[in-house]
N, C-alpha and C. Protein backbone atom coordinates (compact mmCIF):
# COMPACT_ATOMS: atom_id res chain seq x y z
N MET A 1 -28.36 -0.04 -10.10
CA MET A 1 -26.58 -0.62 -9.29
C MET A 1 -25.87 -1.06 -10.15
N LYS A 2 -24.41 -0.45 -10.26
CA LYS A 2 -23.00 -0.98 -10.89
C LYS A 2 -22.65 -2.10 -10.99
N LYS A 3 -22.16 -3.12 -11.36
CA LYS A 3 -22.18 -4.27 -10.63
C LYS A 3 -20.64 -4.02 -10.69
N GLU A 4 -19.71 -4.53 -9.62
CA GLU A 4 -18.11 -4.35 -9.81
C GLU A 4 -17.51 -5.25 -10.88
N HIS A 5 -16.47 -4.83 -11.50
CA HIS A 5 -16.14 -5.70 -12.78
C HIS A 5 -15.00 -6.55 -11.93
N ILE A 6 -15.34 -8.09 -12.30
CA ILE A 6 -14.47 -9.50 -11.29
C ILE A 6 -12.95 -9.32 -11.27
N ALA A 7 -11.78 -8.86 -11.44
CA ALA A 7 -10.12 -8.89 -11.81
C ALA A 7 -9.64 -10.46 -11.78
N LEU A 8 -10.42 -10.95 -10.62
CA LEU A 8 -9.63 -12.39 -10.67
C LEU A 8 -11.18 -13.25 -10.43
N PRO A 9 -11.78 -13.98 -10.91
CA PRO A 9 -12.44 -15.48 -10.79
C PRO A 9 -12.29 -16.23 -9.51
N ALA A 10 -13.13 -16.34 -9.04
CA ALA A 10 -12.93 -17.72 -7.69
C ALA A 10 -12.38 -19.06 -8.59
N ASP A 11 -11.70 -19.36 -7.48
CA ASP A 11 -11.48 -21.33 -8.49
C ASP A 11 -12.65 -21.92 -8.46
N PRO A 12 -13.25 -22.44 -9.02
CA PRO A 12 -14.73 -23.41 -8.75
C PRO A 12 -14.22 -24.48 -8.26
N ALA A 13 -12.98 -24.80 -8.21
CA ALA A 13 -12.37 -26.23 -7.61
C ALA A 13 -12.50 -25.94 -5.90
N ASP A 14 -12.28 -24.58 -5.64
CA ASP A 14 -11.88 -24.40 -3.72
C ASP A 14 -13.06 -23.77 -3.32
N ALA A 15 -13.65 -24.29 -2.43
CA ALA A 15 -15.34 -23.76 -1.92
C ALA A 15 -14.68 -22.14 -0.75
N GLU A 16 -13.23 -22.05 -0.52
CA GLU A 16 -13.19 -21.09 -0.01
C GLU A 16 -13.13 -20.01 -0.20
N ASP A 17 -12.59 -20.00 -1.72
CA ASP A 17 -11.82 -18.84 -2.50
C ASP A 17 -13.06 -17.90 -3.08
N PHE A 18 -12.38 -16.72 -3.53
CA PHE A 18 -13.92 -16.35 -3.71
C PHE A 18 -13.59 -14.52 -4.45
N ASP A 19 -14.30 -14.34 -5.26
CA ASP A 19 -14.01 -13.37 -6.65
C ASP A 19 -13.30 -11.96 -6.02
N VAL A 20 -12.25 -11.45 -6.73
CA VAL A 20 -11.62 -10.07 -6.31
C VAL A 20 -12.09 -9.04 -7.52
N THR A 21 -12.16 -8.32 -6.95
CA THR A 21 -12.14 -6.82 -7.70
C THR A 21 -11.63 -6.11 -8.19
N ALA A 22 -11.11 -5.38 -9.29
CA ALA A 22 -10.49 -4.54 -9.60
C ALA A 22 -10.19 -3.79 -8.60
N GLU A 23 -11.04 -3.34 -7.73
CA GLU A 23 -10.50 -2.43 -6.78
C GLU A 23 -9.84 -3.09 -5.73
N ALA A 24 -10.05 -4.06 -5.51
CA ALA A 24 -9.39 -4.79 -4.75
C ALA A 24 -8.12 -5.30 -4.80
N LEU A 25 -7.30 -5.56 -6.11
CA LEU A 25 -6.87 -5.95 -6.22
C LEU A 25 -5.77 -4.85 -6.89
N ASP A 26 -5.82 -4.08 -6.98
CA ASP A 26 -5.70 -2.06 -6.99
C ASP A 26 -5.16 -1.96 -5.61
N ARG A 27 -5.78 -1.90 -4.77
CA ARG A 27 -5.71 -1.55 -3.40
C ARG A 27 -4.07 -2.85 -2.78
N GLY A 28 -4.49 -3.76 -3.11
CA GLY A 28 -3.53 -4.93 -2.60
C GLY A 28 -2.36 -4.65 -3.34
N GLN A 29 -2.17 -4.27 -4.47
CA GLN A 29 -0.88 -3.71 -5.04
C GLN A 29 -0.16 -2.64 -4.33
N ARG A 30 -1.11 -1.28 -4.57
CA ARG A 30 -0.57 -0.26 -3.97
C ARG A 30 -0.24 -0.92 -2.00
N ALA A 31 -0.55 -1.55 -1.47
CA ALA A 31 -0.86 -2.16 -0.23
C ALA A 31 1.41 -2.41 -0.23
N ARG A 32 1.20 -3.68 -1.26
CA ARG A 32 2.69 -4.32 -1.88
C ARG A 32 3.74 -3.42 -1.79
N LEU A 33 2.98 -2.79 -2.23
CA LEU A 33 4.12 -1.48 -2.96
C LEU A 33 4.59 -0.34 -2.13
N ILE A 34 3.57 -0.44 -1.02
CA ILE A 34 4.26 0.81 -0.12
C ILE A 34 5.20 -0.16 1.35
N ARG A 35 4.90 -1.66 1.24
CA ARG A 35 5.56 -2.43 2.35
C ARG A 35 6.54 -2.57 1.99
N LYS A 36 6.77 -3.20 0.44
CA LYS A 36 8.27 -3.74 0.30
C LYS A 36 9.26 -2.04 0.24
N THR A 37 8.89 -1.14 0.16
CA THR A 37 9.35 0.18 0.33
C THR A 37 9.94 0.18 1.44
N ARG A 38 9.20 0.17 2.41
CA ARG A 38 9.36 0.20 3.85
C ARG A 38 10.40 -0.58 4.67
N THR A 39 9.88 -1.63 4.04
CA THR A 39 10.75 -3.00 4.74
C THR A 39 12.37 -3.04 3.83
N GLY A 40 12.17 -2.46 2.03
CA GLY A 40 13.52 -2.71 1.59
C GLY A 40 14.52 -1.61 2.48
N LEU A 41 14.26 -0.72 3.15
CA LEU A 41 14.70 0.62 3.81
C LEU A 41 14.91 0.15 5.03
N GLY A 42 14.76 -1.04 5.35
CA GLY A 42 14.89 -1.45 6.95
C GLY A 42 14.91 -1.21 8.11
N LEU A 43 13.24 -0.16 7.90
CA LEU A 43 12.47 0.16 8.65
C LEU A 43 11.19 -0.11 9.42
N SER A 44 10.96 -0.13 10.55
CA SER A 44 9.43 -0.56 11.28
C SER A 44 8.45 0.20 10.64
N GLN A 45 7.57 -0.02 10.78
CA GLN A 45 6.09 0.76 10.62
C GLN A 45 6.47 2.40 11.14
N THR A 46 6.91 2.06 12.41
CA THR A 46 7.27 3.49 13.57
C THR A 46 8.01 4.57 12.54
N GLU A 47 9.03 3.57 12.86
CA GLU A 47 10.64 4.29 12.24
C GLU A 47 9.60 5.22 10.83
N PHE A 48 9.43 4.04 9.56
CA PHE A 48 9.36 4.58 8.40
C PHE A 48 8.02 6.30 9.01
N ALA A 49 7.00 5.78 9.52
CA ALA A 49 5.63 6.76 9.51
C ALA A 49 6.33 8.08 10.35
N SER A 50 7.49 7.50 10.79
CA SER A 50 7.95 9.14 11.91
C SER A 50 9.47 9.87 11.17
N ARG A 51 10.23 9.12 10.18
CA ARG A 51 10.94 9.28 9.37
C ARG A 51 10.08 10.05 8.02
N PHE A 52 8.90 10.12 7.85
CA PHE A 52 8.87 10.27 6.52
C PHE A 52 7.19 11.45 6.80
N ARG A 53 7.04 11.51 7.96
CA ARG A 53 5.86 11.75 8.61
C ARG A 53 4.37 11.93 7.98
N VAL A 54 4.26 10.46 8.19
CA VAL A 54 2.47 10.02 7.47
C VAL A 54 2.65 9.35 9.07
N PRO A 55 1.12 9.59 9.34
CA PRO A 55 0.77 8.59 10.45
C PRO A 55 0.69 7.26 10.83
N VAL A 56 1.18 6.87 11.81
CA VAL A 56 1.63 5.68 11.60
C VAL A 56 0.38 4.98 11.36
N GLY A 57 -0.92 5.07 12.03
CA GLY A 57 -2.18 4.33 11.72
C GLY A 57 -2.53 3.94 9.97
N THR A 58 -1.87 5.75 9.60
CA THR A 58 -2.90 5.58 7.97
C THR A 58 -1.90 4.35 7.58
N LEU A 59 -0.42 4.15 7.81
CA LEU A 59 0.65 3.57 6.68
C LEU A 59 0.04 2.09 7.42
N ARG A 60 -0.72 2.17 8.14
CA ARG A 60 -0.72 0.69 8.78
C ARG A 60 -1.84 0.41 8.21
N ASP A 61 -2.62 0.88 8.01
CA ASP A 61 -3.61 1.01 7.15
C ASP A 61 -4.15 0.51 5.65
N TRP A 62 -3.01 1.37 5.29
CA TRP A 62 -2.70 1.26 3.73
C TRP A 62 -1.66 -0.01 3.12
N GLU A 63 -0.68 0.07 4.68
CA GLU A 63 -0.21 -1.55 4.23
C GLU A 63 -0.75 -2.59 4.02
N GLN A 64 -2.31 -3.19 5.37
CA GLN A 64 -2.89 -4.09 5.46
C GLN A 64 -4.14 -3.89 4.60
N SER A 65 -4.31 -3.00 3.62
CA SER A 65 -4.97 -2.91 2.55
C SER A 65 -6.58 -2.61 3.20
N ARG A 66 -6.66 -2.15 4.34
CA ARG A 66 -7.95 -1.65 4.91
C ARG A 66 -8.24 -0.26 4.55
N VAL A 67 -7.46 0.14 3.34
CA VAL A 67 -7.92 1.51 3.46
C VAL A 67 -7.18 1.42 2.03
N SER A 68 -7.60 2.45 0.51
CA SER A 68 -6.37 2.60 -0.75
C SER A 68 -5.58 3.29 -0.18
N ALA A 69 -4.26 3.65 -0.22
CA ALA A 69 -3.10 4.58 -0.53
C ALA A 69 -3.75 5.63 -2.27
N PRO A 70 -4.10 6.91 -1.63
CA PRO A 70 -4.48 7.74 -2.48
C PRO A 70 -3.51 8.05 -3.56
N ASP A 71 -3.18 8.57 -4.33
CA ASP A 71 -2.25 8.29 -5.80
C ASP A 71 -1.35 9.37 -4.98
N PHE A 72 -1.64 10.49 -4.58
CA PHE A 72 -0.48 10.97 -4.15
C PHE A 72 0.38 10.50 -3.18
N ALA A 73 0.31 9.51 -2.64
CA ALA A 73 0.89 9.25 -1.21
C ALA A 73 1.32 7.90 -2.15
N VAL A 74 0.95 6.99 -3.05
CA VAL A 74 1.45 6.07 -3.69
C VAL A 74 3.19 7.11 -4.58
N ALA A 75 3.07 7.67 -4.97
CA ALA A 75 3.55 8.92 -5.62
C ALA A 75 4.44 9.07 -4.45
N TYR A 76 4.34 9.68 -3.80
CA TYR A 76 5.82 10.47 -2.26
C TYR A 76 6.26 8.68 -2.07
N VAL A 77 5.73 7.75 -2.14
CA VAL A 77 6.38 6.63 -1.24
C VAL A 77 7.80 6.21 -2.72
N ARG A 78 6.90 6.30 -3.80
CA ARG A 78 7.60 6.00 -5.15
C ARG A 78 9.24 6.70 -4.68
N VAL A 79 8.79 8.15 -4.39
CA VAL A 79 10.31 8.91 -3.94
C VAL A 79 11.05 8.60 -3.09
N ILE A 80 10.04 8.03 -2.18
CA ILE A 80 10.63 7.61 -0.53
C ILE A 80 11.98 6.52 -1.09
N GLY A 81 11.43 5.52 -2.08
CA GLY A 81 12.18 4.49 -1.77
C GLY A 81 13.16 4.89 -3.26
N GLN A 82 13.34 5.80 -4.14
CA GLN A 82 14.36 6.45 -4.62
C GLN A 82 15.49 7.12 -4.12
N HIS A 83 14.75 8.27 -3.00
CA HIS A 83 15.50 8.83 -2.28
C HIS A 83 15.31 9.42 -1.17
N PRO A 84 15.58 8.34 -0.24
CA PRO A 84 15.03 7.84 0.67
C PRO A 84 15.97 9.15 2.25
N ASP A 85 16.67 9.54 1.84
CA ASP A 85 17.85 10.53 2.15
C ASP A 85 16.90 11.75 2.00
N MET A 86 17.15 12.32 0.90
CA MET A 86 17.07 13.30 0.40
C MET A 86 15.42 13.67 1.16
N VAL A 87 14.60 12.90 1.11
CA VAL A 87 13.32 12.57 1.51
C VAL A 87 13.14 13.18 2.94
N ALA A 88 14.03 12.54 3.78
CA ALA A 88 13.61 12.59 5.18
C ALA A 88 14.31 14.39 4.97
N LYS A 89 15.21 14.45 4.85
CA LYS A 89 15.73 15.98 5.21
C LYS A 89 14.97 16.96 4.72
N ALA A 90 14.65 16.66 3.73
CA ALA A 90 13.13 18.20 3.47
C ALA A 90 11.99 17.56 3.97
N VAL A 91 11.55 16.75 5.04
CA VAL A 91 10.61 17.23 5.69
C VAL A 91 10.71 17.19 7.31
N ALA A 92 12.52 17.26 7.39
CA ALA A 92 12.85 17.25 8.53
C ALA A 92 12.29 18.79 9.62
């Protein structure tokens, strides 16, 4: 069995801290990008999901790091961040 690479080791001085794997760190960074893009546009999760045709449950899972957003979704969110009106018009 392959051992996961630890990206951020636990703080030995903190009994409640824990190791963070590279996969978990990546998932958290993807979640932050999606959440910051949505909030930067001033949209609720429901508004963002409706405007850009993303299932609201999927958006919630991505933002809460329950599921790692796939590469195509991260690219889509980056385009939304740069050209929100153009994307909204294209998917309408």
